Amino acid sequence: MEAKVLDSWVLAEFATPDALVDATRQMREKGFLGMDTYSPYPLHGGSEALGLPPSRVPFIALGGGLTGLVTALAMQTWMNTVDYPLNIGGRPLLSLPAWVPITFELSVLFAAFGIFFGLLGLSRLPQPYHPAFESEEFRSASTHGFWLSVPHPTGQDAADVKNQLTALGATHVTVVSGENA
């Protein structure tokens, strides 16, 4: 069985965000996978229409926060009880209440770094090139356009996909290929 090469996309522009979300849902129901939507702002229902799984970002944040907590406690335990213990006024060397501010700050810092780098990884960013960038009309995706990209195998005619997108209300449909990728 021969593998299909997916380096061509059909791009379709829609007039409204609701039209884009509805078209995305209908194309997914027809069996199209690997689609993506582009708009100047997040679309309500867009993730569900694409069939995306629940976000992993909360788990990344939790992992970063717990890493910060353990790092802060280990660092303060080492510094205050082993490396340079100071007995001031008979207070205990292992004083957890005194360490709450540093522990909280490192937990928040590590969670923020985890979210930042986790989102970069999950979004596969930075992505300096995508064939959609070759379409001059696609520039409207950052200001006022609502676009859907549907991958299709190279060598197959994209007319069927173009006709389906036009029937779903696309105002502009074009095909781009990833020959430069």
Protein backbone atom coordinates (compact mmCIF):
# COMPACT_ATOMS: atom_id res chain seq x y z
CA MET A 1 0.00 0.00 0.00
CA GLU A 2 1.41 3.34 -1.04
CA ALA A 3 1.51 6.26 1.40
CA LYS A 4 -0.21 9.47 0.31
CA VAL A 5 1.86 12.63 0.39
CA LEU A 6 -0.07 15.52 1.91
CA ASP A 7 1.72 18.64 0.81
CA SER A 8 -1.15 20.47 -0.86
CA TRP A 9 -3.92 22.39 0.85
CA VAL A 10 -7.22 23.82 -0.24
CA LEU A 11 -7.74 27.23 1.41
CA ALA A 12 -11.24 28.61 1.75
CA GLU A 13 -12.26 32.02 3.08
CA PHE A 14 -15.60 32.47 4.81
CA ALA A 15 -17.53 35.68 5.42
CA THR A 16 -18.33 35.12 9.11
CA PRO A 17 -16.87 33.15 12.01
CA ASP A 18 -20.07 31.12 12.35
CA ALA A 19 -19.89 30.10 8.70
CA LEU A 20 -16.29 28.98 9.21
CA VAL A 21 -17.11 26.91 12.31
CA ASP A 22 -20.13 25.31 10.61
CA ALA A 23 -18.13 24.48 7.47
CA THR A 24 -15.30 23.03 9.56
CA ARG A 25 -17.73 20.82 11.47
CA GLN A 26 -19.37 19.60 8.26
CA MET A 27 -16.04 18.89 6.53
CA ARG A 28 -14.87 16.89 9.56
CA GLU A 29 -18.13 14.91 9.49
CA LYS A 30 -17.39 14.11 5.83
CA GLY A 31 -14.12 12.52 6.93
CA PHE A 32 -11.56 15.24 6.30
CA LEU A 33 -8.74 15.23 8.86
CA GLY A 34 -5.76 17.50 9.50
CA MET A 35 -7.72 20.69 8.88
CA ASP A 36 -6.89 24.00 10.50
CA THR A 37 -8.70 27.30 10.91
CA TYR A 38 -7.19 30.78 10.76
CA SER A 39 -8.84 33.91 12.10
CA PRO A 40 -7.83 37.20 13.69
CA TYR A 41 -9.18 36.06 17.07
CA PRO A 42 -10.13 32.78 18.80
CA LEU A 43 -13.41 31.33 17.57
CA HIS A 44 -16.04 30.02 19.95
CA GLY A 45 -16.57 26.36 19.04
CA GLY A 46 -13.57 26.23 16.70
CA SER A 47 -11.67 23.59 18.68
CA GLU A 48 -14.75 21.38 18.90
CA ALA A 49 -15.44 21.77 15.18
CA LEU A 50 -11.89 20.67 14.38
CA GLY A 51 -12.25 17.72 16.76
CA LEU A 52 -9.23 18.71 18.81
CA PRO A 53 -8.60 16.85 22.07
CA PRO A 54 -8.76 18.70 25.40
CA SER A 55 -5.84 21.02 26.04
CA ARG A 56 -2.74 19.65 27.76
CA VAL A 57 -1.72 23.12 28.98
CA PRO A 58 -3.21 22.71 32.50
CA PHE A 59 -1.09 19.58 33.04
CA ILE A 60 2.00 21.42 31.81
CA ALA A 61 1.24 24.25 34.26
CA LEU A 62 0.75 21.77 37.09
CA GLY A 63 4.03 20.05 36.25
CA GLY A 64 5.87 23.37 36.16
CA GLY A 65 4.31 24.50 39.45
CA LEU A 66 5.17 21.24 41.22
CA THR A 67 8.71 21.39 39.83
CA GLY A 68 9.04 24.93 41.19
CA LEU A 69 7.69 23.84 44.57
CA VAL A 70 10.12 20.93 44.87
CA THR A 71 13.02 23.06 43.63
CA ALA A 72 12.28 25.84 46.13
CA LEU A 73 11.95 23.47 49.08
CA ALA A 74 15.07 21.51 48.14
CA MET A 75 17.09 24.70 47.59
CA GLN A 76 16.04 26.26 50.89
CA THR A 77 16.50 23.02 52.81
CA TRP A 78 20.03 22.66 51.44
CA MET A 79 21.00 26.29 52.02
CA ASN A 80 19.48 26.69 55.50
CA THR A 81 20.19 23.29 57.09
CA VAL A 82 23.25 21.83 55.36
CA ASP A 83 25.33 24.38 53.47
CA TYR A 84 25.19 27.40 55.80
CA PRO A 85 23.04 26.80 58.89
CA LEU A 86 22.39 29.85 61.06
CA ASN A 87 20.97 29.45 64.55
CA ILE A 88 19.29 32.80 65.15
CA GLY A 89 17.39 33.15 68.40
CA GLY A 90 16.96 29.39 68.79
CA ARG A 91 14.65 29.13 65.77
CA PRO A 92 14.57 25.80 63.94
CA LEU A 93 16.77 25.42 60.85
CA LEU A 94 13.95 23.71 58.93
CA SER A 95 11.28 26.43 59.11
CA LEU A 96 8.65 25.84 56.43
CA PRO A 97 6.45 28.89 57.22
CA ALA A 98 9.39 31.20 56.52
CA TRP A 99 9.86 29.57 53.12
CA VAL A 100 6.32 30.09 51.82
CA PRO A 101 7.05 33.28 49.81
CA ILE A 102 10.03 31.82 47.93
CA THR A 103 8.20 28.53 47.37
CA PHE A 104 5.17 30.34 45.96
CA GLU A 105 7.28 32.58 43.72
CA LEU A 106 9.27 29.70 42.23
CA SER A 107 6.10 27.67 41.69
CA VAL A 108 4.52 30.53 39.74
CA LEU A 109 7.74 31.20 37.81
CA PHE A 110 8.22 27.57 36.76
CA ALA A 111 4.52 27.25 35.86
CA ALA A 112 4.75 30.37 33.67
CA PHE A 113 7.88 29.10 31.92
CA GLY A 114 6.25 25.70 31.47
CA ILE A 115 3.15 27.26 29.90
CA PHE A 116 5.20 29.51 27.62
CA PHE A 117 7.51 26.79 26.30
CA GLY A 118 4.76 24.17 26.37
CA LEU A 119 2.54 26.29 24.16
CA LEU A 120 5.41 26.87 21.76
CA GLY A 121 5.93 23.12 21.54
CA LEU A 122 2.26 22.17 21.30
CA SER A 123 1.67 24.81 18.62
CA ARG A 124 4.78 23.70 16.72
CA LEU A 125 6.06 27.25 16.80
CA PRO A 126 7.98 29.00 15.46
CA GLN A 127 6.80 27.95 12.02
CA PRO A 128 8.67 30.20 9.60
CA TYR A 129 6.99 28.71 6.51
CA HIS A 130 3.67 27.18 5.59
CA PRO A 131 2.35 26.92 2.04
CA ALA A 132 -0.70 28.97 3.02
CA PHE A 133 1.61 31.98 3.34
CA GLU A 134 2.08 31.91 -0.45
CA SER A 135 -1.54 32.93 -1.07
CA GLU A 136 -1.82 36.70 -1.31
CA GLU A 137 -5.48 36.63 -0.17
CA PHE A 138 -4.51 34.67 2.97
CA ARG A 139 -3.01 37.82 4.49
CA SER A 140 -6.55 38.79 5.55
CA ALA A 141 -6.42 36.00 8.16
CA SER A 142 -4.60 38.35 10.52
CA THR A 143 -7.01 41.27 10.13
CA HIS A 144 -10.53 40.29 9.08
CA GLY A 145 -10.57 36.94 7.22
CA PHE A 146 -11.84 33.56 8.38
CA TRP A 147 -9.97 30.75 6.65
CA LEU A 148 -10.10 26.96 6.60
CA SER A 149 -7.26 24.81 5.24
CA VAL A 150 -8.03 21.27 4.16
CA PRO A 151 -5.07 19.02 3.26
CA HIS A 152 -5.37 16.70 0.28
CA PRO A 153 -2.98 14.20 -1.33
CA THR A 154 -0.68 15.53 -4.01
CA GLY A 155 -1.53 14.33 -7.47
CA GLN A 156 -5.26 14.10 -6.79
CA ASP A 157 -7.65 16.66 -8.19
CA ALA A 158 -8.72 19.22 -5.60
CA ALA A 159 -11.85 20.19 -7.52
CA ASP A 160 -14.09 17.99 -5.35
CA VAL A 161 -12.83 19.61 -2.14
CA LYS A 162 -13.13 23.08 -3.72
CA ASN A 163 -16.73 22.36 -4.78
CA GLN A 164 -17.66 21.12 -1.31
CA LEU A 165 -16.18 24.22 0.34
CA THR A 166 -17.95 26.52 -2.13
CA ALA A 167 -21.23 24.71 -1.40
CA LEU A 168 -20.65 25.33 2.32
CA GLY A 169 -20.45 29.10 1.74
CA ALA A 170 -16.79 29.83 1.02
CA THR A 171 -16.33 33.22 -0.63
CA HIS A 172 -12.86 32.45 -1.98
CA VAL A 173 -11.22 29.05 -2.56
CA THR A 174 -7.64 28.41 -3.68
CA VAL A 175 -5.15 25.56 -3.75
CA VAL A 176 -1.60 25.93 -2.42
CA SER A 177 1.16 23.34 -2.53
CA GLY A 178 4.12 22.84 -0.24
CA GLU A 179 6.80 22.49 -2.91
CA ASN A 180 8.91 25.16 -1.19
CA ALA A 181 8.76 23.49 2.23
